[in-house]
Amino acid sequence: MTTQEKLLNLVHNEVIPDVEDYLDELFELVASKKSDDETKEEIKYMQEMRKEFQDLIDDIEAGEIDEEEAQEIIDEIIDMKSLKE
């Protein structure tokens, strides 16, 4: 498996589902009227992040990400996930 394929799997199977789960939680806050302006800003930020990851998938599938760049992105994602936990 190439580094690009590993990155694609990571984004498809972990990152985007995590972002979508968090967005669902934020939308539940809005629906229950327990949200504030910060929640709405967080929704906007997470939607932008989801779009960036979807664009990344497009770039990987188009062959625009090389091995080195793919590994750097994987490392960044792992760092982000470890900070979250």
PDB file of N, CA and C in Angstrom:
ATOM      1  N   MET A   1       0.852  -1.180   0.000  1.00  0.00           N
ATOM      2  CA  MET A   1       0.000   0.000   0.000  1.00  0.00           C
ATOM      3  C   MET A   1       0.896   1.241   0.000  1.00  0.00           C
ATOM      4  N   THR A   2       0.611   2.168  -0.889  1.00  0.00           N
ATOM      5  CA  THR A   2       1.413   3.387  -0.962  1.00  0.00           C
ATOM      6  C   THR A   2       1.031   4.334   0.169  1.00  0.00           C
ATOM      7  N   THR A   3       1.870   5.310   0.386  1.00  0.00           N
ATOM      8  CA  THR A   3       1.584   6.314   1.414  1.00  0.00           C
ATOM      9  C   THR A   3       0.324   7.091   1.053  1.00  0.00           C
ATOM     10  N   GLN A   4       0.139   7.353  -0.228  1.00  0.00           N
ATOM     11  CA  GLN A   4      -1.071   8.054  -0.660  1.00  0.00           C
ATOM     12  C   GLN A   4      -2.320   7.229  -0.340  1.00  0.00           C
ATOM     13  N   GLU A   5      -2.254   5.919  -0.543  1.00  0.00           N
ATOM     14  CA  GLU A   5      -3.394   5.054  -0.223  1.00  0.00           C
ATOM     15  C   GLU A   5      -3.654   5.026   1.280  1.00  0.00           C
ATOM     16  N   LYS A   6      -2.587   5.030   2.068  1.00  0.00           N
ATOM     17  CA  LYS A   6      -2.748   5.076   3.529  1.00  0.00           C
ATOM     18  C   LYS A   6      -3.438   6.371   3.944  1.00  0.00           C
ATOM     19  N   LEU A   7      -3.008   7.477   3.332  1.00  0.00           N
ATOM     20  CA  LEU A   7      -3.614   8.770   3.634  1.00  0.00           C
ATOM     21  C   LEU A   7      -5.082   8.777   3.221  1.00  0.00           C
ATOM     22  N   LEU A   8      -5.367   8.268   2.054  1.00  0.00           N
ATOM     23  CA  LEU A   8      -6.741   8.208   1.566  1.00  0.00           C
ATOM     24  C   LEU A   8      -7.616   7.401   2.523  1.00  0.00           C
ATOM     25  N   ASN A   9      -7.124   6.254   2.969  1.00  0.00           N
ATOM     26  CA  ASN A   9      -7.867   5.429   3.928  1.00  0.00           C
ATOM     27  C   ASN A   9      -8.077   6.159   5.247  1.00  0.00           C
ATOM     28  N   LEU A  10      -7.035   6.822   5.734  1.00  0.00           N
ATOM     29  CA  LEU A  10      -7.128   7.559   6.994  1.00  0.00           C
ATOM     30  C   LEU A  10      -8.195   8.649   6.907  1.00  0.00           C
ATOM     31  N   VAL A  11      -8.165   9.407   5.824  1.00  0.00           N
ATOM     32  CA  VAL A  11      -9.126  10.499   5.664  1.00  0.00           C
ATOM     33  C   VAL A  11     -10.543   9.948   5.491  1.00  0.00           C
ATOM     34  N   HIS A  12     -10.700   8.949   4.630  1.00  0.00           N
ATOM     35  CA  HIS A  12     -12.028   8.361   4.372  1.00  0.00           C
ATOM     36  C   HIS A  12     -12.610   7.676   5.600  1.00  0.00           C
ATOM     37  N   ASN A  13     -11.798   6.899   6.297  1.00  0.00           N
ATOM     38  CA  ASN A  13     -12.310   6.017   7.344  1.00  0.00           C
ATOM     39  C   ASN A  13     -12.281   6.596   8.746  1.00  0.00           C
ATOM     40  N   GLU A  14     -11.465   7.622   8.972  1.00  0.00           N
ATOM     41  CA  GLU A  14     -11.366   8.176  10.325  1.00  0.00           C
ATOM     42  C   GLU A  14     -11.664   9.665  10.385  1.00  0.00           C
ATOM     43  N   VAL A  15     -10.963  10.438   9.575  1.00  0.00           N
ATOM     44  CA  VAL A  15     -11.042  11.892   9.720  1.00  0.00           C
ATOM     45  C   VAL A  15     -12.426  12.424   9.357  1.00  0.00           C
ATOM     46  N   ILE A  16     -12.893  12.129   8.164  1.00  0.00           N
ATOM     47  CA  ILE A  16     -14.194  12.663   7.751  1.00  0.00           C
ATOM     48  C   ILE A  16     -15.318  12.148   8.655  1.00  0.00           C
ATOM     49  N   PRO A  17     -15.359  10.862   9.006  1.00  0.00           N
ATOM     50  CA  PRO A  17     -16.407  10.437   9.957  1.00  0.00           C
ATOM     51  C   PRO A  17     -16.327  11.166  11.304  1.00  0.00           C
ATOM     52  N   ASP A  18     -15.110  11.423  11.807  1.00  0.00           N
ATOM     53  CA  ASP A  18     -14.964  12.172  13.061  1.00  0.00           C
ATOM     54  C   ASP A  18     -15.507  13.593  12.916  1.00  0.00           C
ATOM     55  N   VAL A  19     -15.174  14.243  11.816  1.00  0.00           N
ATOM     56  CA  VAL A  19     -15.648  15.608  11.570  1.00  0.00           C
ATOM     57  C   VAL A  19     -17.172  15.608  11.469  1.00  0.00           C
ATOM     58  N   GLU A  20     -17.733  14.654  10.747  1.00  0.00           N
ATOM     59  CA  GLU A  20     -19.186  14.600  10.590  1.00  0.00           C
ATOM     60  C   GLU A  20     -19.890  14.290  11.910  1.00  0.00           C
ATOM     61  N   ASP A  21     -19.306  13.434  12.728  1.00  0.00           N
ATOM     62  CA  ASP A  21     -19.882  13.154  14.054  1.00  0.00           C
ATOM     63  C   ASP A  21     -19.906  14.415  14.912  1.00  0.00           C
ATOM     64  N   TYR A  22     -18.807  15.155  14.878  1.00  0.00           N
ATOM     65  CA  TYR A  22     -18.737  16.385  15.670  1.00  0.00           C
ATOM     66  C   TYR A  22     -19.736  17.415  15.147  1.00  0.00           C
ATOM     67  N   LEU A  23     -19.855  17.515  13.825  1.00  0.00           N
ATOM     68  CA  LEU A  23     -20.848  18.424  13.250  1.00  0.00           C
ATOM     69  C   LEU A  23     -22.257  18.040  13.704  1.00  0.00           C
ATOM     70  N   ASP A  24     -22.549  16.752  13.730  1.00  0.00           N
ATOM     71  CA  ASP A  24     -23.859  16.293  14.204  1.00  0.00           C
ATOM     72  C   ASP A  24     -24.110  16.750  15.636  1.00  0.00           C
ATOM     73  N   GLU A  25     -23.096  16.630  16.485  1.00  0.00           N
ATOM     74  CA  GLU A  25     -23.223  17.079  17.878  1.00  0.00           C
ATOM     75  C   GLU A  25     -23.505  18.578  17.944  1.00  0.00           C
ATOM     76  N   LEU A  26     -22.796  19.343  17.120  1.00  0.00           N
ATOM     77  CA  LEU A  26     -23.002  20.791  17.112  1.00  0.00           C
ATOM     78  C   LEU A  26     -24.406  21.148  16.629  1.00  0.00           C
ATOM     79  N   PHE A  27     -24.870  20.465  15.583  1.00  0.00           N
ATOM     80  CA  PHE A  27     -26.216  20.732  15.079  1.00  0.00           C
ATOM     81  C   PHE A  27     -27.282  20.342  16.101  1.00  0.00           C
ATOM     82  N   GLU A  28     -27.022  19.318  16.897  1.00  0.00           N
ATOM     83  CA  GLU A  28     -27.952  18.944  17.962  1.00  0.00           C
ATOM     84  C   GLU A  28     -28.043  20.055  19.002  1.00  0.00           C
ATOM     85  N   LEU A  29     -26.911  20.694  19.291  1.00  0.00           N
ATOM     86  CA  LEU A  29     -26.932  21.832  20.219  1.00  0.00           C
ATOM     87  C   LEU A  29     -27.788  22.961  19.664  1.00  0.00           C
ATOM     88  N   VAL A  30     -27.634  23.232  18.378  1.00  0.00           N
ATOM     89  CA  VAL A  30     -28.425  24.288  17.744  1.00  0.00           C
ATOM     90  C   VAL A  30     -29.910  23.923  17.797  1.00  0.00           C
ATOM     91  N   ALA A  31     -30.231  22.693  17.470  1.00  0.00           N
ATOM     92  CA  ALA A  31     -31.628  22.250  17.454  1.00  0.00           C
ATOM     93  C   ALA A  31     -32.261  22.309  18.841  1.00  0.00           C
ATOM     94  N   SER A  32     -31.463  22.060  19.866  1.00  0.00           N
ATOM     95  CA  SER A  32     -31.994  22.087  21.233  1.00  0.00           C
ATOM     96  C   SER A  32     -31.947  23.482  21.839  1.00  0.00           C
ATOM     97  N   LYS A  33     -31.561  24.444  21.021  1.00  0.00           N
ATOM     98  CA  LYS A  33     -31.490  25.852  21.444  1.00  0.00           C
ATOM     99  C   LYS A  33     -30.479  26.080  22.564  1.00  0.00           C
ATOM    100  N   LYS A  34     -29.451  25.215  22.633  1.00  0.00           N
ATOM    101  CA  LYS A  34     -28.403  25.362  23.644  1.00  0.00           C
ATOM    102  C   LYS A  34     -27.116  25.889  23.029  1.00  0.00           C
ATOM    103  N   SER A  35     -27.223  26.462  21.854  1.00  0.00           N
ATOM    104  CA  SER A  35     -26.020  26.939  21.172  1.00  0.00           C
ATOM    105  C   SER A  35     -25.850  28.435  21.377  1.00  0.00           C
ATOM    106  N   ASP A  36     -24.649  28.892  21.064  1.00  0.00           N
ATOM    107  CA  ASP A  36     -24.349  30.311  21.104  1.00  0.00           C
ATOM    108  C   ASP A  36     -23.571  30.655  19.835  1.00  0.00           C
ATOM    109  N   ASP A  37     -23.079  31.876  19.766  1.00  0.00           N
ATOM    110  CA  ASP A  37     -22.326  32.289  18.579  1.00  0.00           C
ATOM    111  C   ASP A  37     -21.070  31.448  18.388  1.00  0.00           C
ATOM    112  N   GLU A  38     -20.467  31.033  19.485  1.00  0.00           N
ATOM    113  CA  GLU A  38     -19.263  30.199  19.399  1.00  0.00           C
ATOM    114  C   GLU A  38     -19.581  28.859  18.725  1.00  0.00           C
ATOM    115  N   THR A  39     -20.724  28.295  19.050  1.00  0.00           N
ATOM    116  CA  THR A  39     -21.139  27.033  18.427  1.00  0.00           C
ATOM    117  C   THR A  39     -21.321  27.220  16.929  1.00  0.00           C
ATOM    118  N   LYS A  40     -21.939  28.315  16.547  1.00  0.00           N
ATOM    119  CA  LYS A  40     -22.160  28.579  15.120  1.00  0.00           C
ATOM    120  C   LYS A  40     -20.842  28.789  14.384  1.00  0.00           C
ATOM    121  N   GLU A  41     -19.894  29.437  15.026  1.00  0.00           N
ATOM    122  CA  GLU A  41     -18.564  29.608  14.423  1.00  0.00           C
ATOM    123  C   GLU A  41     -17.852  28.264  14.298  1.00  0.00           C
ATOM    124  N   GLU A  42     -18.022  27.415  15.298  1.00  0.00           N
ATOM    125  CA  GLU A  42     -17.410  26.087  15.267  1.00  0.00           C
ATOM    126  C   GLU A  42     -18.002  25.252  14.127  1.00  0.00           C
ATOM    127  N   ILE A  43     -19.301  25.385  13.902  1.00  0.00           N
ATOM    128  CA  ILE A  43     -19.934  24.679  12.783  1.00  0.00           C
ATOM    129  C   ILE A  43     -19.324  25.139  11.469  1.00  0.00           C
ATOM    130  N   LYS A  44     -19.194  26.437  11.319  1.00  0.00           N
ATOM    131  CA  LYS A  44     -18.619  26.980  10.085  1.00  0.00           C
ATOM    132  C   LYS A  44     -17.185  26.466   9.894  1.00  0.00           C
ATOM    133  N   TYR A  45     -16.405  26.482  10.955  1.00  0.00           N
ATOM    134  CA  TYR A  45     -15.016  26.009  10.895  1.00  0.00           C
ATOM    135  C   TYR A  45     -14.957  24.525  10.519  1.00  0.00           C
ATOM    136  N   MET A  46     -15.798  23.712  11.138  1.00  0.00           N
ATOM    137  CA  MET A  46     -15.780  22.273  10.867  1.00  0.00           C
ATOM    138  C   MET A  46     -16.267  21.964   9.455  1.00  0.00           C
ATOM    139  N   GLN A  47     -17.219  22.737   8.953  1.00  0.00           N
ATOM    140  CA  GLN A  47     -17.662  22.542   7.574  1.00  0.00           C
ATOM    141  C   GLN A  47     -16.535  22.868   6.594  1.00  0.00           C
ATOM    142  N   GLU A  48     -15.775  23.919   6.894  1.00  0.00           N
ATOM    143  CA  GLU A  48     -14.626  24.263   6.061  1.00  0.00           C
ATOM    144  C   GLU A  48     -13.568  23.162   6.123  1.00  0.00           C
ATOM    145  N   MET A  49     -13.349  22.616   7.317  1.00  0.00           N
ATOM    146  CA  MET A  49     -12.374  21.546   7.471  1.00  0.00           C
ATOM    147  C   MET A  49     -12.800  20.316   6.667  1.00  0.00           C
ATOM    148  N   ARG A  50     -14.079  19.967   6.742  1.00  0.00           N
ATOM    149  CA  ARG A  50     -14.578  18.827   5.973  1.00  0.00           C
ATOM    150  C   ARG A  50     -14.351  19.053   4.478  1.00  0.00           C
ATOM    151  N   LYS A  51     -14.602  20.264   4.009  1.00  0.00           N
ATOM    152  CA  LYS A  51     -14.387  20.594   2.593  1.00  0.00           C
ATOM    153  C   LYS A  51     -12.912  20.448   2.232  1.00  0.00           C
ATOM    154  N   GLU A  52     -12.018  20.907   3.108  1.00  0.00           N
ATOM    155  CA  GLU A  52     -10.583  20.788   2.844  1.00  0.00           C
ATOM    156  C   GLU A  52     -10.156  19.322   2.744  1.00  0.00           C
ATOM    157  N   PHE A  53     -10.696  18.475   3.603  1.00  0.00           N
ATOM    158  CA  PHE A  53     -10.359  17.053   3.525  1.00  0.00           C
ATOM    159  C   PHE A  53     -10.950  16.410   2.275  1.00  0.00           C
ATOM    160  N   GLN A  54     -12.132  16.851   1.865  1.00  0.00           N
ATOM    161  CA  GLN A  54     -12.705  16.325   0.625  1.00  0.00           C
ATOM    162  C   GLN A  54     -11.870  16.769  -0.580  1.00  0.00           C
ATOM    163  N   ASP A  55     -11.368  18.007  -0.537  1.00  0.00           N
ATOM    164  CA  ASP A  55     -10.472  18.482  -1.595  1.00  0.00           C
ATOM    165  C   ASP A  55      -9.174  17.682  -1.598  1.00  0.00           C
ATOM    166  N   LEU A  56      -8.693  17.333  -0.408  1.00  0.00           N
ATOM    167  CA  LEU A  56      -7.485  16.515  -0.299  1.00  0.00           C
ATOM    168  C   LEU A  56      -7.703  15.154  -0.958  1.00  0.00           C
ATOM    169  N   ILE A  57      -8.860  14.565  -0.733  1.00  0.00           N
ATOM    170  CA  ILE A  57      -9.185  13.286  -1.375  1.00  0.00           C
ATOM    171  C   ILE A  57      -9.123  13.435  -2.895  1.00  0.00           C
ATOM    172  N   ASP A  58      -9.706  14.518  -3.399  1.00  0.00           N
ATOM    173  CA  ASP A  58      -9.668  14.764  -4.847  1.00  0.00           C
ATOM    174  C   ASP A  58      -8.235  14.872  -5.343  1.00  0.00           C
ATOM    175  N   ASP A  59      -7.391  15.584  -4.584  1.00  0.00           N
ATOM    176  CA  ASP A  59      -5.981  15.748  -4.973  1.00  0.00           C
ATOM    177  C   ASP A  59      -5.246  14.409  -4.973  1.00  0.00           C
ATOM    178  N   ILE A  60      -5.510  13.582  -3.977  1.00  0.00           N
ATOM    179  CA  ILE A  60      -4.863  12.263  -3.908  1.00  0.00           C
ATOM    180  C   ILE A  60      -5.291  11.422  -5.105  1.00  0.00           C
ATOM    181  N   GLU A  61      -6.590  11.400  -5.364  1.00  0.00           N
ATOM    182  CA  GLU A  61      -7.104  10.590  -6.467  1.00  0.00           C
ATOM    183  C   GLU A  61      -6.610  11.086  -7.819  1.00  0.00           C
ATOM    184  N   ALA A  62      -6.295  12.384  -7.919  1.00  0.00           N
ATOM    185  CA  ALA A  62      -5.781  12.955  -9.167  1.00  0.00           C
ATOM    186  C   ALA A  62      -4.268  12.783  -9.286  1.00  0.00           C
ATOM    187  N   GLY A  63      -3.647  12.198  -8.243  1.00  0.00           N
ATOM    188  CA  GLY A  63      -2.205  11.980  -8.275  1.00  0.00           C
ATOM    189  C   GLY A  63      -1.383  13.229  -8.019  1.00  0.00           C
ATOM    190  N   GLU A  64      -1.984  14.212  -7.358  1.00  0.00           N
ATOM    191  CA  GLU A  64      -1.310  15.485  -7.113  1.00  0.00           C
ATOM    192  C   GLU A  64      -0.547  15.524  -5.790  1.00  0.00           C
ATOM    193  N   ILE A  65      -0.602  14.456  -5.016  1.00  0.00           N
ATOM    194  CA  ILE A  65       0.096  14.386  -3.731  1.00  0.00           C
ATOM    195  C   ILE A  65       1.182  13.321  -3.849  1.00  0.00           C
ATOM    196  N   ASP A  66       2.440  13.723  -3.594  1.00  0.00           N
ATOM    197  CA  ASP A  66       3.523  12.739  -3.677  1.00  0.00           C
ATOM    198  C   ASP A  66       3.696  12.029  -2.328  1.00  0.00           C
ATOM    199  N   GLU A  67       4.575  11.021  -2.321  1.00  0.00           N
ATOM    200  CA  GLU A  67       4.789  10.197  -1.116  1.00  0.00           C
ATOM    201  C   GLU A  67       5.169  11.049   0.098  1.00  0.00           C
ATOM    202  N   GLU A  68       6.110  11.959  -0.106  1.00  0.00           N
ATOM    203  CA  GLU A  68       6.606  12.777   1.009  1.00  0.00           C
ATOM    204  C   GLU A  68       5.502  13.660   1.578  1.00  0.00           C
ATOM    205  N   GLU A  69       4.758  14.314   0.702  1.00  0.00           N
ATOM    206  CA  GLU A  69       3.678  15.182   1.160  1.00  0.00           C
ATOM    207  C   GLU A  69       2.588  14.366   1.856  1.00  0.00           C
ATOM    208  N   ALA A  70       2.288  13.194   1.321  1.00  0.00           N
ATOM    209  CA  ALA A  70       1.286  12.324   1.942  1.00  0.00           C
ATOM    210  C   ALA A  70       1.713  11.944   3.357  1.00  0.00           C
ATOM    211  N   GLN A  71       2.990  11.614   3.541  1.00  0.00           N
ATOM    212  CA  GLN A  71       3.477  11.238   4.868  1.00  0.00           C
ATOM    213  C   GLN A  71       3.410  12.418   5.831  1.00  0.00           C
ATOM    214  N   GLU A  72       3.740  13.618   5.343  1.00  0.00           N
ATOM    215  CA  GLU A  72       3.661  14.809   6.195  1.00  0.00           C
ATOM    216  C   GLU A  72       2.223  15.045   6.664  1.00  0.00           C
ATOM    217  N   ILE A  73       1.275  14.861   5.758  1.00  0.00           N
ATOM    218  CA  ILE A  73      -0.134  15.058   6.112  1.00  0.00           C
ATOM    219  C   ILE A  73      -0.587  13.993   7.107  1.00  0.00           C
ATOM    220  N   ILE A  74      -0.167  12.753   6.888  1.00  0.00           N
ATOM    221  CA  ILE A  74      -0.494  11.675   7.840  1.00  0.00           C
ATOM    222  C   ILE A  74       0.039  12.027   9.227  1.00  0.00           C
ATOM    223  N   ASP A  75       1.287  12.483   9.286  1.00  0.00           N
ATOM    224  CA  ASP A  75       1.891  12.851  10.572  1.00  0.00           C
ATOM    225  C   ASP A  75       1.111  13.976  11.246  1.00  0.00           C
ATOM    226  N   GLU A  76       0.677  14.977  10.463  1.00  0.00           N
ATOM    227  CA  GLU A  76      -0.098  16.087  11.019  1.00  0.00           C
ATOM    228  C   GLU A  76      -1.437  15.596  11.567  1.00  0.00           C
ATOM    229  N   ILE A  77      -2.084  14.704  10.833  1.00  0.00           N
ATOM    230  CA  ILE A  77      -3.375  14.172  11.284  1.00  0.00           C
ATOM    231  C   ILE A  77      -3.199  13.388  12.581  1.00  0.00           C
ATOM    232  N   ILE A  78      -2.161  12.578  12.644  1.00  0.00           N
ATOM    233  CA  ILE A  78      -1.894  11.803  13.863  1.00  0.00           C
ATOM    234  C   ILE A  78      -1.635  12.740  15.040  1.00  0.00           C
ATOM    235  N   ASP A  79      -0.873  13.808  14.818  1.00  0.00           N
ATOM    236  CA  ASP A  79      -0.624  14.792  15.875  1.00  0.00           C
ATOM    237  C   ASP A  79      -1.932  15.442  16.332  1.00  0.00           C
ATOM    238  N   MET A  80      -2.788  15.815  15.381  1.00  0.00           N
ATOM    239  CA  MET A  80      -4.067  16.435  15.718  1.00  0.00           C
ATOM    240  C   MET A  80      -4.930  15.484  16.539  1.00  0.00           C
ATOM    241  N   LYS A  81      -4.977  14.219  16.133  1.00  0.00           N
ATOM    242  CA  LYS A  81      -5.794  13.238  16.844  1.00  0.00           C
ATOM    243  C   LYS A  81      -5.258  12.985  18.249  1.00  0.00           C
ATOM    244  N   SER A  82      -3.932  12.997  18.415  1.00  0.00           N
ATOM    245  CA  SER A  82      -3.358  12.755  19.741  1.00  0.00           C
ATOM    246  C   SER A  82      -3.609  13.945  20.666  1.00  0.00           C
ATOM    247  N   LEU A  83      -3.677  15.151  20.126  1.00  0.00           N
ATOM    248  CA  LEU A  83      -3.986  16.321  20.943  1.00  0.00           C
ATOM    249  C   LEU A  83      -5.437  16.298  21.401  1.00  0.00           C
ATOM    250  N   LYS A  84      -6.302  15.763  20.562  1.00  0.00           N
ATOM    251  CA  LYS A  84      -7.729  15.697  20.865  1.00  0.00           C
ATOM    252  C   LYS A  84      -8.019  14.726  22.000  1.00  0.00           C
ATOM    253  N   GLU A  85      -7.228  13.685  22.104  1.00  0.00           N
ATOM    254  CA  GLU A  85      -7.496  12.628  23.088  1.00  0.00           C
ATOM    255  C   GLU A  85      -6.944  12.922  24.435  1.00  0.00           C
TER     256      GLU A  85
END
